[in-house]
Amino acid sequence: VVPPNRDHFFLIGMDQRFATDRSTAGGTIRKDDGWHTYWQDQMALLDHLQVPKCHLLGSCIGPSYAFRLMKHAPERFGRCVMLQPIG
């Protein structure tokens, strides 16, 4: 058992680009946005934060995003927990 360690573990909460107040967040979506757009957004955030590998946890629509991430970059993810997946 590894004790909690803030120097080693942290949580990154991701959401879709359109899930916040569009007037302040710039959450623009285009007609050709789709699953490819969202997993690329999430990979770009991990790259920006310099996270080479991590675990995933998704609920509701989150498992759909997690599947897409693991499909396109399996080497970047260790484990995945999927809670209440849809569709």
Protein backbone atom coordinates (compact mmCIF):
# COMPACT_ATOMS: atom_id res chain seq x y z
CA VAL A 1 0.00 0.00 0.00
CA VAL A 2 1.35 3.39 -1.02
CA PRO A 3 0.37 6.22 1.35
CA PRO A 4 -1.14 9.37 -0.16
CA ASN A 5 1.64 11.53 -1.53
CA ARG A 6 0.90 14.93 -3.04
CA ASP A 7 4.36 15.06 -4.58
CA HIS A 8 3.66 11.91 -6.60
CA PHE A 9 -0.10 11.74 -7.22
CA PHE A 10 -2.55 14.40 -8.35
CA LEU A 11 -5.95 14.63 -10.03
CA ILE A 12 -6.69 16.37 -13.31
CA GLY A 13 -10.39 16.94 -13.92
CA MET A 14 -11.22 17.25 -17.61
CA ASP A 15 -14.47 18.23 -19.23
CA GLN A 16 -15.68 18.96 -22.73
CA ARG A 17 -14.76 22.34 -24.17
CA PHE A 18 -18.43 23.34 -24.29
CA ALA A 19 -19.38 22.27 -20.74
CA THR A 20 -18.77 25.65 -19.09
CA ASP A 21 -20.11 29.17 -19.49
CA ARG A 22 -19.42 29.88 -23.16
CA SER A 23 -19.38 33.63 -22.58
CA THR A 24 -16.22 33.43 -20.46
CA ALA A 25 -14.54 30.12 -21.30
CA GLY A 26 -14.38 30.37 -25.07
CA GLY A 27 -16.02 26.96 -25.33
CA THR A 28 -16.48 27.14 -29.07
CA ILE A 29 -17.60 24.02 -30.89
CA ARG A 30 -17.69 23.63 -34.63
CA LYS A 31 -19.93 21.46 -36.79
CA ASP A 32 -17.03 19.08 -37.54
CA ASP A 33 -16.05 18.60 -33.87
CA GLY A 34 -16.53 15.06 -32.61
CA TRP A 35 -14.88 12.30 -30.61
CA HIS A 36 -11.57 13.01 -32.33
CA THR A 37 -11.68 16.61 -31.14
CA TYR A 38 -12.25 15.74 -27.51
CA TRP A 39 -9.58 13.08 -27.14
CA GLN A 40 -7.14 15.43 -28.88
CA ASP A 41 -8.08 18.19 -26.39
CA GLN A 42 -7.43 15.79 -23.52
CA MET A 43 -4.09 14.63 -24.94
CA ALA A 44 -3.07 18.25 -25.50
CA LEU A 45 -3.81 19.03 -21.85
CA LEU A 46 -1.75 16.05 -20.64
CA ASP A 47 1.10 17.14 -22.93
CA HIS A 48 0.87 20.72 -21.69
CA LEU A 49 1.00 19.52 -18.07
CA GLN A 50 3.92 17.22 -18.98
CA VAL A 51 2.12 14.05 -17.87
CA PRO A 52 3.84 11.19 -19.72
CA LYS A 53 1.64 8.43 -18.26
CA CYS A 54 -1.39 8.32 -16.00
CA HIS A 55 -4.42 6.32 -14.94
CA LEU A 56 -7.94 7.17 -16.10
CA LEU A 57 -11.25 7.33 -14.27
CA GLY A 58 -14.43 8.17 -16.11
CA SER A 59 -18.10 8.29 -15.25
CA CYS A 60 -21.15 8.54 -17.51
CA ILE A 61 -19.69 9.81 -20.83
CA GLY A 62 -16.14 9.65 -19.39
CA PRO A 63 -15.60 5.96 -20.25
CA SER A 64 -16.27 6.79 -23.91
CA TYR A 65 -13.47 9.37 -23.78
CA ALA A 66 -11.22 6.94 -21.90
CA PHE A 67 -11.71 4.23 -24.54
CA ARG A 68 -10.74 6.72 -27.25
CA LEU A 69 -7.62 7.82 -25.33
CA MET A 70 -6.54 4.22 -24.74
CA LYS A 71 -7.17 3.34 -28.40
CA HIS A 72 -4.96 6.13 -29.73
CA ALA A 73 -2.22 6.25 -27.10
CA PRO A 74 -2.22 3.00 -25.05
CA GLU A 75 1.35 3.59 -23.89
CA ARG A 76 0.23 6.74 -22.03
CA PHE A 77 -2.24 5.03 -19.68
CA GLY A 78 -1.77 2.49 -16.94
CA ARG A 79 -5.19 1.55 -15.60
CA CYS A 80 -8.74 2.68 -16.29
CA VAL A 81 -11.79 2.64 -14.04
CA MET A 82 -15.13 3.15 -15.77
CA LEU A 83 -18.15 4.13 -13.66
CA GLN A 84 -21.71 4.09 -14.98
CA PRO A 85 -20.80 4.10 -18.69
CA ILE A 86 -23.38 5.22 -21.21
CA GLY A 87 -24.00 3.94 -24.74
